[in-house]
């Protein structure tokens, strides 16, 4: 079940953050400005290559939440992060009977408020919408969220910020 939850949350968060990120770096002001006009969900949908994320958010019933005022900080796994999951994990999480697990995984990747990269490096933990805390640390010059490395930061949306991570993170069961 833990694997299922991890896959689903990673999928949805990854999609949302990576969809619009498209290689955006922290210093890319033109891209950041354009992103600020769309909410987290629309940013993910607009990318066009993260259909799984959108499907996961829809299956979990979180579309309205992630389109609401927020603000939210999303630690979003990439497609490569999803590829690390065991075969069938995403499909299993998307089943209606696993909705609660999917919601737990997805909301573990979301922190209330707008936490920009400059702020993330100043904290050691952050409470997620799911209720548990993620560990935040800097190791070898890289920011880590639990066991995931932040690979892109500060993708600004109208209702928050997305930071792209390279691994799906899972809540403790």
Protein backbone atom coordinates (compact mmCIF):
# COMPACT_ATOMS: atom_id res chain seq x y z
CA UNK A 1 0.00 0.00 0.00
CA UNK A 2 2.88 2.34 0.81
CA UNK A 3 4.26 1.85 -2.69
CA UNK A 4 0.86 2.59 -4.18
CA UNK A 5 0.49 5.76 -2.20
CA UNK A 6 3.98 6.85 -3.08
CA UNK A 7 3.46 6.28 -6.76
CA UNK A 8 0.24 8.19 -6.91
CA UNK A 9 1.33 11.18 -4.92
CA UNK A 10 4.57 11.36 -6.79
CA UNK A 11 2.74 11.15 -10.03
CA UNK A 12 0.35 13.93 -9.31
CA UNK A 13 2.83 16.26 -7.72
CA UNK A 14 5.45 15.54 -10.31
CA UNK A 15 3.05 16.29 -13.05
CA UNK A 16 1.97 19.53 -11.55
CA UNK A 17 5.44 20.82 -10.92
CA UNK A 18 7.18 19.46 -13.94
CA UNK A 19 4.39 20.16 -16.39
CA UNK A 20 4.95 23.83 -16.38
CA UNK A 21 8.56 23.78 -15.26
CA UNK A 22 9.81 22.65 -18.64
CA UNK A 23 13.37 23.32 -17.65
CA UNK A 24 12.71 26.58 -15.89
CA UNK A 25 15.52 27.56 -13.59
CA UNK A 26 15.30 29.76 -10.55
CA UNK A 27 16.60 32.75 -12.48
CA UNK A 28 14.24 32.44 -15.44
CA UNK A 29 12.07 35.48 -14.75
CA UNK A 30 10.18 35.43 -18.03
CA UNK A 31 9.12 31.83 -17.46
CA UNK A 32 8.32 32.49 -13.81
CA UNK A 33 6.20 35.50 -14.73
CA UNK A 34 4.23 33.55 -17.31
CA UNK A 35 3.62 30.74 -14.83
CA UNK A 36 2.23 33.11 -12.22
CA UNK A 37 -0.85 33.63 -14.40
CA UNK A 38 -1.97 29.98 -14.07
CA UNK A 39 -2.79 27.99 -10.95
CA UNK A 40 -0.97 24.79 -10.02
CA UNK A 41 -3.37 22.53 -11.92
CA UNK A 42 -3.55 24.68 -15.06
CA UNK A 43 0.23 24.95 -15.06
CA UNK A 44 0.46 21.15 -15.06
CA UNK A 45 -2.23 20.74 -17.72
CA UNK A 46 -0.64 23.45 -19.88
CA UNK A 47 2.59 21.52 -20.10
CA UNK A 48 0.71 18.80 -22.01
CA UNK A 49 3.10 15.99 -21.10
CA UNK A 50 1.91 15.09 -17.60
CA UNK A 51 -1.38 13.39 -18.21
CA UNK A 52 -0.74 10.96 -15.36
CA UNK A 53 -0.49 13.76 -12.82
CA UNK A 54 -3.74 15.28 -13.97
CA UNK A 55 -5.40 11.85 -13.87
CA UNK A 56 -4.12 11.25 -10.32
CA UNK A 57 -5.31 14.65 -9.08
CA UNK A 58 -8.70 14.01 -10.70
CA UNK A 59 -8.92 10.46 -9.29
CA UNK A 60 -8.12 11.81 -5.82
CA UNK A 61 -10.72 14.58 -6.12
CA UNK A 62 -8.06 17.25 -5.49
CA UNK A 63 -8.54 19.41 -8.58
CA UNK A 64 -10.68 22.03 -6.83
CA UNK A 65 -8.33 22.11 -3.86
CA UNK A 66 -5.25 22.68 -6.02
CA UNK A 67 -7.10 25.33 -8.02
CA UNK A 68 -8.19 27.17 -4.86
CA UNK A 69 -6.57 30.33 -3.56
CA UNK A 70 -3.92 28.53 -1.53
CA UNK A 71 -1.14 29.35 -1.38
CA UNK A 72 0.52 25.94 -1.66
CA UNK A 73 4.09 24.74 -2.06
CA UNK A 74 4.29 21.55 -4.11
CA UNK A 75 7.33 19.28 -4.14
CA UNK A 76 6.68 17.60 -7.48
CA UNK A 77 8.46 14.43 -8.66
CA UNK A 78 9.56 14.21 -12.31
CA UNK A 79 8.60 11.53 -14.83
CA UNK A 80 11.96 9.93 -14.12
CA UNK A 81 10.99 9.73 -10.45
CA UNK A 82 7.84 7.87 -11.41
CA UNK A 83 9.88 5.47 -13.52
CA UNK A 84 11.68 4.42 -10.33
CA UNK A 85 8.44 3.09 -8.86
CA UNK A 86 7.61 -0.60 -9.12
CA UNK A 87 5.60 -1.59 -12.19
CA UNK A 88 1.84 -1.19 -11.70
CA UNK A 89 2.09 1.23 -8.77
CA UNK A 90 0.47 4.17 -10.52
CA UNK A 91 -2.28 2.05 -12.03
CA UNK A 92 -3.06 0.58 -8.61
CA UNK A 93 -3.22 3.99 -6.94
CA UNK A 94 -5.61 5.29 -9.57
CA UNK A 95 -8.20 2.62 -8.72
CA UNK A 96 -11.24 4.00 -6.86
CA UNK A 97 -10.71 1.63 -3.93
CA UNK A 98 -7.27 3.20 -3.31
CA UNK A 99 -8.45 6.82 -3.29
CA UNK A 100 -7.49 7.40 0.36
CA UNK A 101 -3.95 6.14 -0.28
CA UNK A 102 -3.68 8.32 -3.36
CA UNK A 103 -4.81 11.38 -1.45
CA UNK A 104 -2.28 10.66 1.32
CA UNK A 105 0.59 10.35 -1.13
CA UNK A 106 -0.36 13.45 -3.10
CA UNK A 107 -0.95 15.65 -0.06
CA UNK A 108 2.38 14.52 1.44
CA UNK A 109 4.00 16.46 -1.43
CA UNK A 110 2.15 19.68 -0.55
CA UNK A 111 2.98 22.21 2.17
CA UNK A 112 0.58 25.04 3.06
CA UNK A 113 1.88 28.50 2.16
CA UNK A 114 4.33 29.75 -0.43
CA UNK A 115 7.82 28.54 0.47
CA UNK A 116 10.39 29.79 -2.04
CA UNK A 117 13.83 28.25 -2.49
CA UNK A 118 15.49 30.95 -0.39
CA UNK A 119 13.19 29.97 2.49
CA UNK A 120 13.44 26.19 2.03
CA UNK A 121 17.18 26.21 2.77
CA UNK A 122 16.53 27.89 6.14
CA UNK A 123 14.24 25.17 7.55
CA UNK A 124 14.81 21.58 8.70
CA UNK A 125 11.26 20.29 8.34
CA UNK A 126 7.88 21.29 6.99
CA UNK A 127 4.42 20.02 7.88
CA UNK A 128 2.56 18.72 4.84
CA UNK A 129 -1.12 18.97 4.05
CA UNK A 130 -1.21 15.19 4.67
CA UNK A 131 -0.29 15.90 8.30
CA UNK A 132 3.22 14.46 8.56
CA UNK A 133 6.45 16.43 8.26
CA UNK A 134 8.99 16.17 5.49
CA UNK A 135 12.66 16.50 6.38
CA UNK A 136 14.45 19.40 4.69
CA UNK A 137 18.23 19.50 4.56
CA UNK A 138 21.12 20.76 2.47
CA UNK A 139 23.69 18.10 1.59
CA UNK A 140 26.65 18.70 -0.72
CA UNK A 141 25.09 21.95 -1.86
CA UNK A 142 21.79 20.28 -2.80
CA UNK A 143 18.44 20.70 -1.09
CA UNK A 144 16.84 17.41 -0.06
CA UNK A 145 13.19 16.80 0.80
CA UNK A 146 13.19 13.46 2.63
CA UNK A 147 15.21 11.28 0.21
CA UNK A 148 14.49 13.39 -2.88
CA UNK A 149 16.76 16.02 -4.41
CA UNK A 150 15.23 19.33 -5.48
CA UNK A 151 16.21 19.74 -9.14
CA UNK A 152 14.23 22.87 -10.10
CA UNK A 153 12.92 25.62 -7.86
CA UNK A 154 10.50 28.52 -7.69
CA UNK A 155 8.08 27.73 -10.49
CA UNK A 156 5.58 30.41 -9.57
CA UNK A 157 1.84 29.93 -10.07
CA UNK A 158 -1.10 32.13 -9.17
CA UNK A 159 -1.77 30.07 -6.03
CA UNK A 160 1.68 28.92 -4.96
CA UNK A 161 5.06 27.62 -5.95
CA UNK A 162 6.35 24.33 -7.34
CA UNK A 163 9.75 22.77 -6.63
CA UNK A 164 10.64 19.76 -8.78
CA UNK A 165 12.10 16.71 -7.04
CA UNK A 166 13.78 13.63 -8.51
CA UNK A 167 12.17 10.98 -6.31
CA UNK A 168 8.66 10.26 -5.10
CA UNK A 169 8.46 10.76 -1.35
CA UNK A 170 6.16 8.69 0.85
CA UNK A 171 4.51 9.33 4.18
CA UNK A 172 5.21 6.95 7.03
CA UNK A 173 2.48 4.39 7.47
